Amino acid sequence: MIRGLCLHGRTEKAHVLFEEMAEKGIARDIITYNSLIQGFYKEGKIDGSINLLAKLLEMGLQPSAATYTAPIGKLCEMGDVDEAKELWEDMQKRGVEPAVCTRNFTITGLSNKGYGAEGMEWLAAMLRRNLKPQKQTFERLIQCLSQGDKLDEAILVLDYMFSIGYTLHECIFRSLVNKLCEQNSDHVETCLGGILQNDTAAFEVF
């Protein structure tokens, strides 16, 4: 019932049932907690998700990847990347293997804050584990690096993006080309040639 209510946007009603379970001596397992945590997340109630996470840990329950995914995703979306990383570290200490989307959330959150170098470290860690980042994750990191005039790093991320089989969105392509031209460096032509050679869609834009 709690899961069904959360899926239909009736999280407050689900929370009432959740509290009634404790009053009636009915055990609340990790699935029940996760359902409610995700329900609060979908409604943007991050405090509710965090409080439930703390409560389940106090109860001695072993969290799962799903327990952390929603809170970390919402914190990154809100710009609270440091708090999201604290949850990540707690997850690691408890031996919980994070979902791939959690890593994507974190890289995007770091990029949105302008932490391109750290975002690259997280991306490299994903690639070493043979995990496939989302296209949007690559694009947001490239934008971050480009805006910070870290063009060599942006090109490196772009190469990884192409090697996976993704193509670059037109507006990001144009922005990167403009940045390269502004630099007026000797290797601009080489960089542009590499972009055009690796991304056939870029020919049409260029």
Protein backbone atom coordinates (compact mmCIF):
# COMPACT_ATOMS: atom_id res chain seq x y z
CA MET A 1 0.00 0.00 0.00
CA ILE A 2 2.79 2.41 0.88
CA ARG A 3 4.59 1.77 -2.38
CA GLY A 4 1.38 2.19 -4.37
CA LEU A 5 0.50 5.46 -2.65
CA CYS A 6 3.99 6.84 -3.30
CA LEU A 7 3.82 5.88 -6.97
CA HIS A 8 0.58 7.84 -7.26
CA GLY A 9 1.93 10.96 -5.54
CA ARG A 10 0.19 10.39 -2.20
CA THR A 11 3.30 10.38 -0.08
CA GLU A 12 1.73 12.06 2.95
CA LYS A 13 -0.91 9.34 3.16
CA ALA A 14 1.83 6.74 2.77
CA HIS A 15 3.76 8.37 5.61
CA VAL A 16 0.71 8.15 7.88
CA LEU A 17 0.49 4.40 7.21
CA PHE A 18 4.22 4.14 7.78
CA GLU A 19 3.90 5.67 11.25
CA GLU A 20 0.86 3.50 12.03
CA MET A 21 2.96 0.41 11.35
CA ALA A 22 5.26 1.35 14.24
CA GLU A 23 2.31 2.06 16.54
CA LYS A 24 0.86 -1.37 15.79
CA GLY A 25 4.16 -3.19 16.16
CA ILE A 26 4.44 -4.05 12.47
CA ALA A 27 8.05 -4.32 11.29
CA ARG A 28 9.09 -1.86 8.60
CA ASP A 29 11.66 -3.39 6.27
CA ILE A 30 14.13 -1.76 3.90
CA ILE A 31 11.68 -1.98 0.99
CA THR A 32 9.12 0.03 2.95
CA TYR A 33 11.69 2.68 3.81
CA ASN A 34 12.98 2.86 0.24
CA SER A 35 9.48 3.30 -1.16
CA LEU A 36 8.81 6.24 1.11
CA ILE A 37 12.26 7.77 0.59
CA GLN A 38 11.73 7.69 -3.17
CA GLY A 39 8.22 9.06 -2.74
CA PHE A 40 9.50 12.09 -0.84
CA TYR A 41 12.21 12.55 -3.45
CA LYS A 42 9.71 12.65 -6.32
CA GLU A 43 7.79 15.38 -4.51
CA GLY A 44 10.95 17.36 -3.86
CA LYS A 45 10.85 16.79 -0.08
CA ILE A 46 14.53 16.14 0.46
CA ASP A 47 14.33 16.65 4.24
CA GLY A 48 11.81 13.81 4.44
CA SER A 49 14.13 11.52 2.47
CA ILE A 50 17.15 12.39 4.61
CA ASN A 51 15.24 11.94 7.86
CA LEU A 52 13.98 8.52 6.81
CA LEU A 53 17.49 7.50 5.80
CA ALA A 54 18.78 8.49 9.23
CA LYS A 55 15.93 6.63 10.90
CA LEU A 56 16.50 3.36 9.07
CA LEU A 57 20.20 3.51 9.98
CA GLU A 58 19.27 4.05 13.63
CA MET A 59 17.04 0.98 13.42
CA GLY A 60 20.05 -1.07 12.33
CA LEU A 61 18.68 -1.88 8.88
CA GLN A 62 21.16 -2.46 6.07
CA PRO A 63 20.53 0.14 3.36
CA SER A 64 20.59 -0.71 -0.33
CA ALA A 65 21.69 1.30 -3.37
CA ALA A 66 18.09 2.44 -3.82
CA THR A 67 18.15 3.92 -0.30
CA TYR A 68 20.81 6.43 -1.30
CA THR A 69 19.96 7.04 -4.96
CA ALA A 70 17.03 9.41 -4.44
CA PRO A 71 18.61 11.62 -1.72
CA ILE A 72 21.93 11.93 -3.56
CA GLY A 73 20.15 12.75 -6.81
CA LYS A 74 18.03 15.45 -5.21
CA LEU A 75 20.95 16.98 -3.30
CA CYS A 76 22.99 17.21 -6.50
CA GLU A 77 20.04 18.75 -8.30
CA MET A 78 19.75 21.36 -5.54
CA GLY A 79 23.46 22.14 -5.65
CA ASP A 80 24.29 20.53 -2.28
CA VAL A 81 27.10 18.44 -3.76
CA ASP A 82 29.15 18.30 -0.56
CA GLU A 83 26.25 16.78 1.37
CA ALA A 84 25.65 14.37 -1.50
CA LYS A 85 29.30 13.26 -1.33
CA GLU A 86 28.93 12.67 2.42
CA LEU A 87 26.08 10.27 1.70
CA TRP A 88 28.23 8.64 -0.98
CA GLU A 89 31.05 8.10 1.52
CA ASP A 90 28.60 6.65 4.05
CA MET A 91 27.31 4.29 1.37
CA GLN A 92 30.85 3.17 0.59
CA LYS A 93 31.64 2.56 4.26
CA ARG A 94 28.61 0.30 4.54
CA GLY A 95 29.69 -1.76 1.54
CA VAL A 96 26.76 -0.68 -0.64
CA GLU A 97 27.50 -0.69 -4.37
CA PRO A 98 26.03 2.53 -5.83
CA ALA A 99 23.77 2.56 -8.85
CA VAL A 100 25.27 3.91 -12.07
CA CYS A 101 22.77 6.77 -12.09
CA THR A 102 24.12 7.92 -8.70
CA ARG A 103 27.52 8.50 -10.29
CA ASN A 104 25.86 10.41 -13.14
CA PHE A 105 24.00 12.58 -10.63
CA THR A 106 27.25 13.41 -8.85
CA ILE A 107 29.22 14.30 -11.99
CA THR A 108 26.39 16.52 -13.20
CA GLY A 109 26.13 18.15 -9.78
CA LEU A 110 29.87 18.85 -9.72
CA SER A 111 29.70 20.26 -13.26
CA ASN A 112 26.82 22.55 -12.32
CA LYS A 113 28.93 23.91 -9.47
CA GLY A 114 31.87 24.51 -11.78
CA TYR A 115 34.01 21.70 -10.32
CA GLY A 116 35.19 20.40 -13.66
CA ALA A 117 38.44 18.82 -12.45
CA GLU A 118 36.63 16.79 -9.80
CA GLY A 119 33.96 15.88 -12.31
CA MET A 120 36.67 14.47 -14.57
CA GLU A 121 37.98 12.35 -11.69
CA TRP A 122 34.53 10.86 -11.15
CA LEU A 123 34.12 10.26 -14.88
CA ALA A 124 37.51 8.54 -15.07
CA ALA A 125 36.50 6.31 -12.16
CA MET A 126 33.35 5.28 -14.03
CA LEU A 127 35.27 4.47 -17.20
CA ARG A 128 37.84 2.41 -15.28
CA ARG A 129 34.98 0.29 -13.96
CA ASN A 130 33.57 -0.11 -17.49
CA LEU A 131 30.45 1.82 -16.53
CA LYS A 132 28.71 3.82 -19.26
CA PRO A 133 27.94 7.44 -18.31
CA GLN A 134 24.84 9.06 -19.74
CA LYS A 135 25.22 11.34 -22.75
CA GLN A 136 23.95 14.27 -20.67
CA THR A 137 26.69 13.62 -18.12
CA PHE A 138 29.39 14.01 -20.77
CA GLU A 139 27.76 17.09 -22.25
CA ARG A 140 27.35 18.90 -18.95
CA LEU A 141 30.98 18.20 -18.01
CA ILE A 142 32.18 19.43 -21.42
CA GLN A 143 30.16 22.61 -20.95
CA CYS A 144 31.65 23.12 -17.49
CA LEU A 145 35.22 22.65 -18.72
CA SER A 146 34.66 24.82 -21.78
CA GLN A 147 33.17 27.65 -19.73
CA GLY A 148 36.18 27.45 -17.42
CA ASP A 149 38.56 27.66 -20.40
CA LYS A 150 39.78 24.11 -19.72
CA LEU A 151 39.66 23.30 -23.41
CA ASP A 152 42.26 20.53 -23.47
CA GLU A 153 40.31 18.73 -20.76
CA ALA A 154 37.05 19.34 -22.64
CA ILE A 155 38.53 17.78 -25.78
CA LEU A 156 39.72 14.78 -23.76
CA VAL A 157 36.22 14.20 -22.36
CA LEU A 158 34.86 14.65 -25.88
CA ASP A 159 37.16 11.89 -27.14
CA TYR A 160 35.84 9.53 -24.46
CA MET A 161 32.31 10.51 -25.40
CA PHE A 162 32.89 9.70 -29.06
CA SER A 163 34.59 6.39 -28.22
CA ILE A 164 31.41 5.25 -26.47
CA GLY A 165 29.33 6.11 -29.53
CA TYR A 166 27.63 9.33 -28.46
CA THR A 167 27.38 12.44 -30.66
CA LEU A 168 27.57 16.01 -29.45
CA HIS A 169 24.52 18.25 -29.19
CA GLU A 170 24.59 21.11 -31.69
CA CYS A 171 24.52 23.98 -29.18
CA ILE A 172 27.37 22.46 -27.15
CA PHE A 173 29.36 21.88 -30.33
CA ARG A 174 28.97 25.50 -31.39
CA SER A 175 29.95 26.74 -27.94
CA LEU A 176 33.08 24.60 -27.89
CA VAL A 177 34.11 25.71 -31.40
CA ASN A 178 33.66 29.36 -30.40
CA LYS A 179 35.82 28.84 -27.32
CA LEU A 180 38.55 27.18 -29.38
CA CYS A 181 38.51 30.04 -31.87
CA GLU A 182 38.69 32.62 -29.07
CA GLN A 183 41.86 30.98 -27.79
CA ASN A 184 43.49 31.53 -31.20
CA SER A 185 46.04 28.84 -30.40
CA ASP A 186 48.16 26.85 -32.85
CA HIS A 187 46.33 23.61 -32.22
CA VAL A 188 42.81 24.96 -32.83
CA GLU A 189 42.75 23.58 -36.37
CA THR A 190 43.91 20.19 -35.14
CA CYS A 191 41.21 20.15 -32.44
CA LEU A 192 38.48 21.11 -34.87
CA GLY A 193 39.68 18.47 -37.32
CA GLY A 194 39.50 15.84 -34.60
CA ILE A 195 35.98 16.86 -33.66
CA LEU A 196 34.79 16.75 -37.25
CA GLN A 197 36.48 13.43 -37.92
CA ASN A 198 35.01 11.72 -34.87
CA ASP A 199 31.50 13.16 -34.93
CA THR A 200 29.88 12.83 -38.35
CA ALA A 201 26.90 14.85 -37.12
CA ALA A 202 29.27 17.76 -36.58
CA PHE A 203 29.80 18.10 -40.32
CA GLU A 204 26.23 19.23 -40.78
CA VAL A 205 26.48 21.74 -37.96
CA PHE A 206 29.87 23.03 -39.06
